[in-house]
Protein backbone atom coordinates (compact mmCIF):
# COMPACT_ATOMS: atom_id res chain seq x y z
CA MET A 1 -38.82 43.63 -105.05
CA GLU A 2 -41.80 45.15 -106.84
CA LYS A 3 -41.49 48.38 -104.83
CA ASN A 4 -37.85 48.68 -105.87
CA ARG A 5 -38.81 48.52 -109.57
CA GLU A 6 -41.44 51.19 -109.12
CA TRP A 7 -38.96 53.43 -107.32
CA LYS A 8 -36.43 53.03 -110.15
CA LYS A 9 -39.15 53.85 -112.66
CA LYS A 10 -39.99 57.06 -110.78
CA GLN A 11 -36.29 58.00 -110.57
CA ASN A 12 -35.71 57.63 -114.32
CA PRO A 13 -33.55 60.60 -115.44
CA GLU A 14 -35.83 61.19 -118.44
CA THR A 15 -38.83 61.78 -116.17
CA LEU A 16 -36.85 63.94 -113.75
CA THR A 17 -35.16 66.21 -116.28
CA GLY A 18 -37.28 65.94 -119.39
CA THR A 19 -34.13 65.18 -121.40
CA GLN A 20 -32.91 62.12 -123.20
CA GLY A 21 -30.91 60.54 -120.36
CA ALA A 22 -28.69 61.48 -117.49
CA GLY A 23 -25.87 63.97 -117.73
CA HIS A 24 -27.88 66.80 -119.27
CA LEU A 25 -27.99 70.11 -117.45
CA PRO A 26 -30.81 72.65 -117.54
CA ALA A 27 -30.28 75.76 -119.66
CA SER A 28 -30.82 78.05 -116.68
CA VAL A 29 -30.98 77.85 -112.91
CA ALA A 30 -32.44 79.73 -109.95
CA VAL A 31 -30.23 79.99 -106.89
CA LEU A 32 -32.08 80.62 -103.66
CA GLY A 33 -29.82 81.69 -100.84
CA SER A 34 -27.06 82.64 -103.26
CA THR A 35 -25.13 84.66 -100.66
CA GLY A 36 -24.59 81.66 -98.37
CA SER A 37 -21.86 79.06 -98.70
CA VAL A 38 -23.97 76.52 -100.61
CA GLY A 39 -25.40 79.23 -102.86
CA ARG A 40 -21.91 80.52 -103.69
CA GLN A 41 -20.84 76.99 -104.60
CA ALA A 42 -23.94 76.60 -106.78
CA LEU A 43 -23.02 79.80 -108.63
CA GLU A 44 -19.48 78.52 -109.11
CA VAL A 45 -20.84 75.30 -110.65
CA ALA A 46 -23.23 77.29 -112.86
CA SER A 47 -20.35 79.46 -114.03
CA CYS A 48 -18.11 76.46 -114.78
CA HIS A 49 -20.85 74.78 -116.83
CA GLY A 50 -21.99 77.91 -118.63
CA LEU A 51 -25.49 77.87 -117.15
CA ARG A 52 -27.59 81.02 -117.24
CA VAL A 53 -28.70 82.20 -113.78
CA ASP A 54 -32.29 83.47 -114.01
CA LEU A 55 -32.94 84.16 -110.34
CA LEU A 56 -30.86 85.08 -107.30
CA SER A 57 -32.08 85.56 -103.76
CA GLY A 58 -30.46 86.33 -100.45
CA GLN A 59 -31.35 87.03 -96.86
CA ARG A 60 -29.20 89.89 -95.58
CA SER A 61 -25.95 90.24 -97.54
CA VAL A 62 -27.13 92.93 -99.91
CA ALA A 63 -23.63 93.91 -101.06
CA VAL A 64 -22.79 90.29 -101.96
CA LEU A 65 -26.13 89.88 -103.74
CA GLU A 66 -25.51 93.06 -105.74
CA GLU A 67 -22.07 91.79 -106.76
CA GLN A 68 -23.58 88.46 -107.86
CA ALA A 69 -26.34 90.24 -109.80
CA ARG A 70 -23.79 92.36 -111.66
CA GLN A 71 -21.77 89.25 -112.52
CA PHE A 72 -24.59 86.85 -113.53
CA LEU A 73 -27.22 89.35 -114.78
CA PRO A 74 -30.28 87.36 -113.62
CA ARG A 75 -33.81 88.18 -114.76
CA TYR A 76 -34.92 88.38 -111.13
CA CYS A 77 -33.16 89.23 -107.90
CA ALA A 78 -34.78 89.30 -104.46
CA VAL A 79 -33.55 90.17 -100.98
CA ALA A 80 -35.34 89.62 -97.68
CA ASP A 81 -33.65 92.29 -95.58
CA GLU A 82 -35.58 93.74 -92.65
């Protein structure tokens, strides 16, 4: 039982987010792998919640990454194309 209390203490939303409770979103996000399916969903969520996207990265889909960069205007954008 003691371990469970310690785990809950570590998982406190205030210590995880630095905000006053759960439900608060960060002001900006970085989306690694933004050209993949999960990354595209993350950008959709960011857009719906009005979050600023500070960083985008992708592996090979340069055209998709360029489109995302033009839409979200991140501070940083990186591509790992060979």
